[in-house]
Amino acid sequence: MKLFYSPGACSLSPHIILREGGFAFTTEKVDIRAKKTAAGEDFLGINAKGYVPALQLDDGSLLTEGPAIVQYLADQVPDKKLAPANGTLARYRLQEMLNFISTEIHKGFSPLFNPAFPEEGKRLTKERLALRLGVLEAVVAKQAFLMGEQFTVADAYLFTTLNWAGHTKVDLEPFPALRAYHARVADRPSVQEALKAEGLAK
């Protein structure tokens, strides 16, 4: 398998899961603005959506969208318990959490990366994002990970989005449980390996 990624972007989430699951894989960096891969290929010719992550499977087919990719990977290595079994309520709870992270946290951060976004818009966006982070603060205040005591694909995704707080000046100081959670996930070997591979850690 090959993961097309951009350092620190949401593609970090499946990158972590590829390492957590012990998969054999390669990575290729993508310049999202230029739509070019590190090998000089037109990324739009690979993924018409033009953004990462994109996972090229061993049969040559392409899977896109982070929540879909990480669940696919988890289902290939059920012994790793990166996701509950399909068809169970626990799996729907995981999907519920992935959807929340995707629509409320990930997309909550997105406007803050736009330098042309007005200051008043940033203020309102951060206020709304703080409300959503408060929901997750309550979750990780009472358990080690989002779904309980077991690390899952949802944790790789939330960790990735929380990494953006510094760059976007989102204050995590009011969320001590989330900050402790972020540090806990960061300590995992798979996370450290992915960060180093993307040039985000030494």
Protein backbone atom coordinates (compact mmCIF):
# COMPACT_ATOMS: atom_id res chain seq x y z
CA MET A 1 0.00 0.00 0.00
CA LYS A 2 1.01 3.59 -0.55
CA LEU A 3 -0.19 6.56 1.49
CA PHE A 4 -0.24 9.94 -0.20
CA TYR A 5 0.23 12.52 2.53
CA SER A 6 1.10 16.09 3.40
CA PRO A 7 3.12 16.61 6.60
CA GLY A 8 0.92 17.33 9.59
CA ALA A 9 -2.30 17.31 7.58
CA CYS A 10 -5.22 14.99 8.32
CA SER A 11 -3.29 12.26 6.48
CA LEU A 12 -1.26 11.89 9.68
CA SER A 13 -4.20 9.94 11.11
CA PRO A 14 -4.04 6.98 8.67
CA HIS A 15 -0.24 7.22 8.75
CA ILE A 16 -0.38 6.52 12.49
CA ILE A 17 -2.80 3.63 11.95
CA LEU A 18 -0.62 2.08 9.25
CA ARG A 19 2.21 1.98 11.77
CA GLU A 20 -0.02 0.95 14.68
CA GLY A 21 -1.34 -1.95 12.61
CA GLY A 22 2.10 -3.13 11.51
CA PHE A 23 1.34 -2.80 7.79
CA ALA A 24 3.88 -2.94 4.99
CA PHE A 25 3.48 0.38 3.19
CA THR A 26 5.22 3.27 1.50
CA THR A 27 4.46 6.98 1.60
CA GLU A 28 4.60 9.72 -0.98
CA LYS A 29 4.53 13.38 -0.08
CA VAL A 30 2.09 15.63 -1.91
CA ASP A 31 2.35 19.37 -2.50
CA ILE A 32 -1.33 20.17 -2.00
CA ARG A 33 -1.14 23.67 -3.48
CA ALA A 34 0.75 22.62 -6.60
CA LYS A 35 -1.14 19.29 -6.81
CA LYS A 36 2.14 17.47 -7.43
CA THR A 37 3.54 14.36 -5.79
CA ALA A 38 7.15 14.07 -4.69
CA ALA A 39 7.74 11.95 -7.81
CA GLY A 40 6.48 14.81 -9.99
CA GLU A 41 3.13 13.26 -10.88
CA ASP A 42 -0.08 15.23 -11.25
CA PHE A 43 -1.90 14.43 -8.01
CA LEU A 44 -5.26 15.25 -9.58
CA GLY A 45 -4.62 12.37 -11.95
CA ILE A 46 -4.32 10.09 -8.92
CA ASN A 47 -7.05 11.59 -6.75
CA ALA A 48 -9.52 13.88 -8.52
CA LYS A 49 -10.50 15.38 -5.15
CA GLY A 50 -7.05 16.94 -4.98
CA TYR A 51 -6.45 16.48 -1.27
CA VAL A 52 -4.97 13.96 1.14
CA PRO A 53 -5.19 11.35 2.51
CA ALA A 54 -5.38 8.90 -0.33
CA LEU A 55 -4.42 5.26 0.11
CA GLN A 56 -3.42 3.22 -2.92
CA LEU A 57 -4.23 -0.40 -2.19
CA ASP A 58 -2.15 -3.35 -3.29
CA ASP A 59 -4.50 -4.00 -6.23
CA GLY A 60 -3.93 -0.45 -7.48
CA SER A 61 -7.32 0.92 -6.44
CA LEU A 62 -7.56 4.12 -4.43
CA LEU A 63 -9.37 4.74 -1.16
CA THR A 64 -9.93 8.31 0.03
CA GLU A 65 -11.42 10.11 3.06
CA GLY A 66 -9.65 9.61 6.38
CA PRO A 67 -12.48 7.99 8.38
CA ALA A 68 -13.04 5.43 5.61
CA ILE A 69 -9.33 4.69 5.26
CA VAL A 70 -8.70 4.13 8.97
CA GLN A 71 -11.70 1.83 9.33
CA TYR A 72 -10.58 -0.18 6.31
CA LEU A 73 -7.13 -0.55 7.86
CA ALA A 74 -8.54 -1.49 11.26
CA ASP A 75 -10.67 -4.22 9.71
CA GLN A 76 -7.58 -5.80 8.11
CA VAL A 77 -5.99 -6.35 11.53
CA PRO A 78 -8.86 -7.15 13.92
CA ASP A 79 -6.45 -8.54 16.51
CA LYS A 80 -5.08 -5.02 17.02
CA LYS A 81 -8.53 -3.85 18.20
CA LEU A 82 -8.21 -0.51 16.42
CA ALA A 83 -11.97 -0.58 15.78
CA PRO A 84 -14.83 -2.67 17.19
CA ALA A 85 -16.28 -5.38 14.98
CA ASN A 86 -18.61 -4.34 12.16
CA GLY A 87 -22.30 -4.56 12.97
CA THR A 88 -21.87 -3.95 16.70
CA LEU A 89 -23.20 -0.95 18.58
CA ALA A 90 -19.62 -0.22 19.62
CA ARG A 91 -18.71 0.17 15.92
CA TYR A 92 -21.53 2.65 15.40
CA ARG A 93 -20.30 4.54 18.46
CA LEU A 94 -16.87 4.70 16.83
CA GLN A 95 -18.41 6.00 13.60
CA GLU A 96 -20.37 8.53 15.64
CA MET A 97 -17.10 9.78 17.12
CA LEU A 98 -15.29 9.83 13.76
CA ASN A 99 -18.14 11.88 12.29
CA PHE A 100 -18.01 14.31 15.20
CA ILE A 101 -14.26 14.78 14.81
CA SER A 102 -14.60 15.19 11.05
CA THR A 103 -17.45 17.69 10.99
CA GLU A 104 -17.05 19.56 14.27
CA ILE A 105 -13.32 19.47 15.06
CA HIS A 106 -11.49 18.99 11.75
CA LYS A 107 -13.77 21.34 9.82
CA GLY A 108 -13.90 23.60 12.86
CA PHE A 109 -10.17 24.22 12.49
CA SER A 110 -10.22 24.55 8.69
CA PRO A 111 -11.16 28.26 8.34
CA LEU A 112 -8.38 29.20 10.77
CA PHE A 113 -5.73 28.13 8.25
CA ASN A 114 -6.95 30.77 5.79
CA PRO A 115 -4.86 33.95 6.23
CA ALA A 116 -7.64 35.98 4.58
CA PHE A 117 -10.23 34.86 7.14
CA PRO A 118 -11.36 37.99 9.06
CA GLU A 119 -10.52 38.38 12.74
CA GLU A 120 -14.17 38.44 13.80
CA GLY A 121 -14.71 35.20 11.92
CA LYS A 122 -11.72 33.66 13.69
CA ARG A 123 -13.08 34.72 17.07
CA LEU A 124 -16.50 33.19 16.42
CA THR A 125 -14.96 30.03 14.97
CA LYS A 126 -12.74 29.58 18.02
CA GLU A 127 -15.71 30.08 20.35
CA ARG A 128 -17.69 27.39 18.54
CA LEU A 129 -14.68 25.08 18.43
CA ALA A 130 -14.18 25.52 22.19
CA LEU A 131 -17.73 24.26 22.78
CA ARG A 132 -17.00 21.14 20.74
CA LEU A 133 -13.67 20.58 22.49
CA GLY A 134 -15.53 20.81 25.78
CA VAL A 135 -17.57 17.77 24.76
CA LEU A 136 -14.38 15.77 24.22
CA GLU A 137 -12.82 17.13 27.41
CA ALA A 138 -15.63 15.47 29.36
CA VAL A 139 -15.02 12.17 27.56
CA VAL A 140 -11.27 11.89 28.16
CA ALA A 141 -11.55 13.21 31.71
CA LYS A 142 -13.03 9.85 32.70
CA GLN A 143 -11.19 7.39 30.44
CA ALA A 144 -7.82 6.98 28.75
CA PHE A 145 -9.07 7.13 25.16
CA LEU A 146 -12.13 8.28 23.25
CA MET A 147 -13.80 4.87 23.17
CA GLY A 148 -12.67 3.68 26.59
CA GLU A 149 -9.38 2.15 27.69
CA GLN A 150 -8.47 0.89 24.20
CA PHE A 151 -6.68 3.08 21.63
CA THR A 152 -8.67 3.18 18.38
CA VAL A 153 -8.62 4.91 15.01
CA ALA A 154 -10.64 7.77 16.52
CA ASP A 155 -7.71 8.65 18.76
CA ALA A 156 -5.33 8.92 15.81
CA TYR A 157 -7.75 11.34 14.17
CA LEU A 158 -8.37 13.52 17.22
CA PHE A 159 -4.65 13.63 18.01
CA THR A 160 -3.98 14.87 14.48
CA THR A 161 -6.51 17.69 14.74
CA LEU A 162 -5.37 18.76 18.21
CA ASN A 163 -1.88 19.19 16.76
CA TRP A 164 -3.24 22.14 14.80
CA ALA A 165 -4.10 24.15 17.90
CA GLY A 166 -0.69 25.80 18.16
CA HIS A 167 -0.53 26.92 14.54
CA THR A 168 -4.07 28.29 14.58
CA LYS A 169 -3.76 29.84 18.07
CA VAL A 170 -6.59 27.78 19.54
CA ASP A 171 -6.16 27.84 23.31
CA LEU A 172 -6.18 24.37 24.87
CA GLU A 173 -5.39 25.69 28.34
CA PRO A 174 -9.05 25.39 29.47
CA PHE A 175 -8.96 21.67 28.61
CA PRO A 176 -6.50 19.92 30.96
CA ALA A 177 -7.88 16.45 30.27
CA LEU A 178 -7.52 16.95 26.51
CA ARG A 179 -3.96 18.20 26.94
CA ALA A 180 -3.08 15.15 29.04
CA TYR A 181 -4.81 12.92 26.49
CA HIS A 182 -2.85 14.52 23.63
CA ALA A 183 0.42 13.89 25.48
CA ARG A 184 -0.63 10.29 26.20
CA VAL A 185 -1.33 9.57 22.53
CA ALA A 186 1.86 11.36 21.48
CA ASP A 187 3.89 8.92 23.58
CA ARG A 188 2.78 5.91 21.53
CA PRO A 189 5.63 4.49 19.41
CA SER A 190 3.48 4.48 16.26
CA VAL A 191 2.74 8.17 16.71
CA GLN A 192 6.38 9.07 17.28
CA GLU A 193 7.40 7.07 14.21
CA ALA A 194 4.81 8.79 12.02
CA LEU A 195 5.76 12.25 13.29
CA LYS A 196 9.44 11.59 12.63
CA ALA A 197 8.74 10.19 9.17
CA GLU A 198 6.84 13.37 8.28
CA GLY A 199 9.59 15.61 9.64
CA LEU A 200 7.43 16.81 12.54
CA ALA A 201 9.60 15.41 15.35
CA LYS A 202 13.25 14.58 15.88
